[in-house]
């Protein structure tokens, strides 16, 4: 348990960051799920639109430190190639 004032504050900050990051991760996963569902339905236009909507959210996750940049780059690359293959 935190004893010093500094460690108590760090514990409070940690809880706050955890809640914010959890919400952001959930939001990003929702965008990714929408892309996956559009790909599964076979609708190329819907999949492309969902991918365009998901891209800024993924990049925001990188800048906020929720995801590593290479992880997001890999996800975007794989999703883009899957959307292109729908044709």
Protein backbone atom coordinates (compact mmCIF):
# COMPACT_ATOMS: atom_id res chain seq x y z
CA UNK A 1 0.00 0.00 0.00
CA UNK A 2 1.17 3.54 -0.72
CA UNK A 3 2.47 5.35 2.35
CA UNK A 4 4.12 8.59 1.32
CA UNK A 5 2.10 11.46 -0.17
CA UNK A 6 3.99 11.06 -3.43
CA UNK A 7 3.23 7.35 -3.71
CA UNK A 8 -0.43 7.97 -2.85
CA UNK A 9 -0.65 10.53 -5.63
CA UNK A 10 1.08 8.15 -8.08
CA UNK A 11 -1.46 5.44 -7.16
CA UNK A 12 -4.34 7.86 -7.87
CA UNK A 13 -2.78 8.89 -11.18
CA UNK A 14 -2.22 5.25 -12.10
CA UNK A 15 -5.90 4.41 -11.52
CA UNK A 16 -6.99 7.40 -13.62
CA UNK A 17 -4.64 6.51 -16.49
CA UNK A 18 -5.79 2.88 -16.35
CA UNK A 19 -9.44 3.92 -16.71
CA UNK A 20 -8.67 6.29 -19.60
CA UNK A 21 -6.49 3.74 -21.41
CA UNK A 22 -9.09 1.01 -20.90
CA UNK A 23 -11.79 3.17 -22.47
CA UNK A 24 -9.52 4.11 -25.37
CA UNK A 25 -8.57 0.46 -26.01
CA UNK A 26 -12.22 -0.52 -25.97
CA UNK A 27 -13.11 2.25 -28.42
CA UNK A 28 -10.34 1.19 -30.81
CA UNK A 29 -11.42 -2.46 -30.62
CA UNK A 30 -14.96 -1.41 -31.51
CA UNK A 31 -13.70 0.34 -34.64
CA UNK A 32 -11.65 -2.75 -35.56
CA UNK A 33 -14.65 -5.01 -35.00
CA UNK A 34 -16.72 -2.86 -37.37
CA UNK A 35 -14.04 -3.31 -40.05
CA UNK A 36 -13.95 -7.08 -39.43
CA UNK A 37 -17.74 -7.33 -39.69
CA UNK A 38 -17.77 -5.35 -42.94
CA UNK A 39 -15.07 -7.63 -44.38
CA UNK A 40 -17.00 -10.71 -43.27
CA UNK A 41 -20.17 -9.43 -44.94
CA UNK A 42 -18.24 -8.99 -48.20
CA UNK A 43 -19.26 -5.33 -48.66
CA UNK A 44 -16.14 -3.63 -50.02
CA UNK A 45 -17.52 -0.07 -49.77
CA UNK A 46 -18.61 -0.53 -46.16
CA UNK A 47 -15.29 -2.16 -45.28
CA UNK A 48 -13.31 0.68 -46.87
CA UNK A 49 -15.42 3.27 -45.03
CA UNK A 50 -14.99 1.45 -41.72
CA UNK A 51 -11.24 1.23 -42.32
CA UNK A 52 -11.02 4.96 -43.02
CA UNK A 53 -12.91 5.62 -39.77
CA UNK A 54 -10.68 3.25 -37.79
CA UNK A 55 -7.34 4.60 -39.00
CA UNK A 56 -7.31 7.90 -37.05
CA UNK A 57 -8.46 6.10 -33.91
CA UNK A 58 -5.61 3.61 -34.20
CA UNK A 59 -3.08 6.39 -34.76
CA UNK A 60 -4.46 8.28 -31.78
CA UNK A 61 -3.92 5.14 -29.72
CA UNK A 62 -0.26 5.25 -30.73
CA UNK A 63 0.22 8.89 -29.80
CA UNK A 64 -1.51 8.34 -26.45
CA UNK A 65 0.72 5.36 -25.67
CA UNK A 66 -2.00 2.69 -25.67
CA UNK A 67 -0.51 0.72 -28.57
CA UNK A 68 2.96 0.43 -30.05
CA UNK A 69 3.35 2.04 -33.46
CA UNK A 70 4.51 -1.16 -35.14
CA UNK A 71 1.50 -3.03 -33.80
CA UNK A 72 -0.85 -0.47 -35.33
CA UNK A 73 1.12 -0.41 -38.58
CA UNK A 74 0.82 -4.20 -38.80
CA UNK A 75 -2.92 -4.14 -38.10
CA UNK A 76 -3.54 -1.39 -40.66
CA UNK A 77 -1.47 -3.19 -43.28
CA UNK A 78 -3.28 -6.49 -42.81
CA UNK A 79 -6.73 -4.90 -42.75
CA UNK A 80 -5.98 -2.81 -45.85
CA UNK A 81 -4.84 -5.85 -47.81
CA UNK A 82 -7.96 -7.77 -46.75
CA UNK A 83 -10.23 -4.90 -47.83
CA UNK A 84 -8.43 -4.66 -51.19
CA UNK A 85 -8.84 -8.40 -51.73
CA UNK A 86 -12.63 -8.16 -51.40
CA UNK A 87 -13.15 -6.90 -54.97
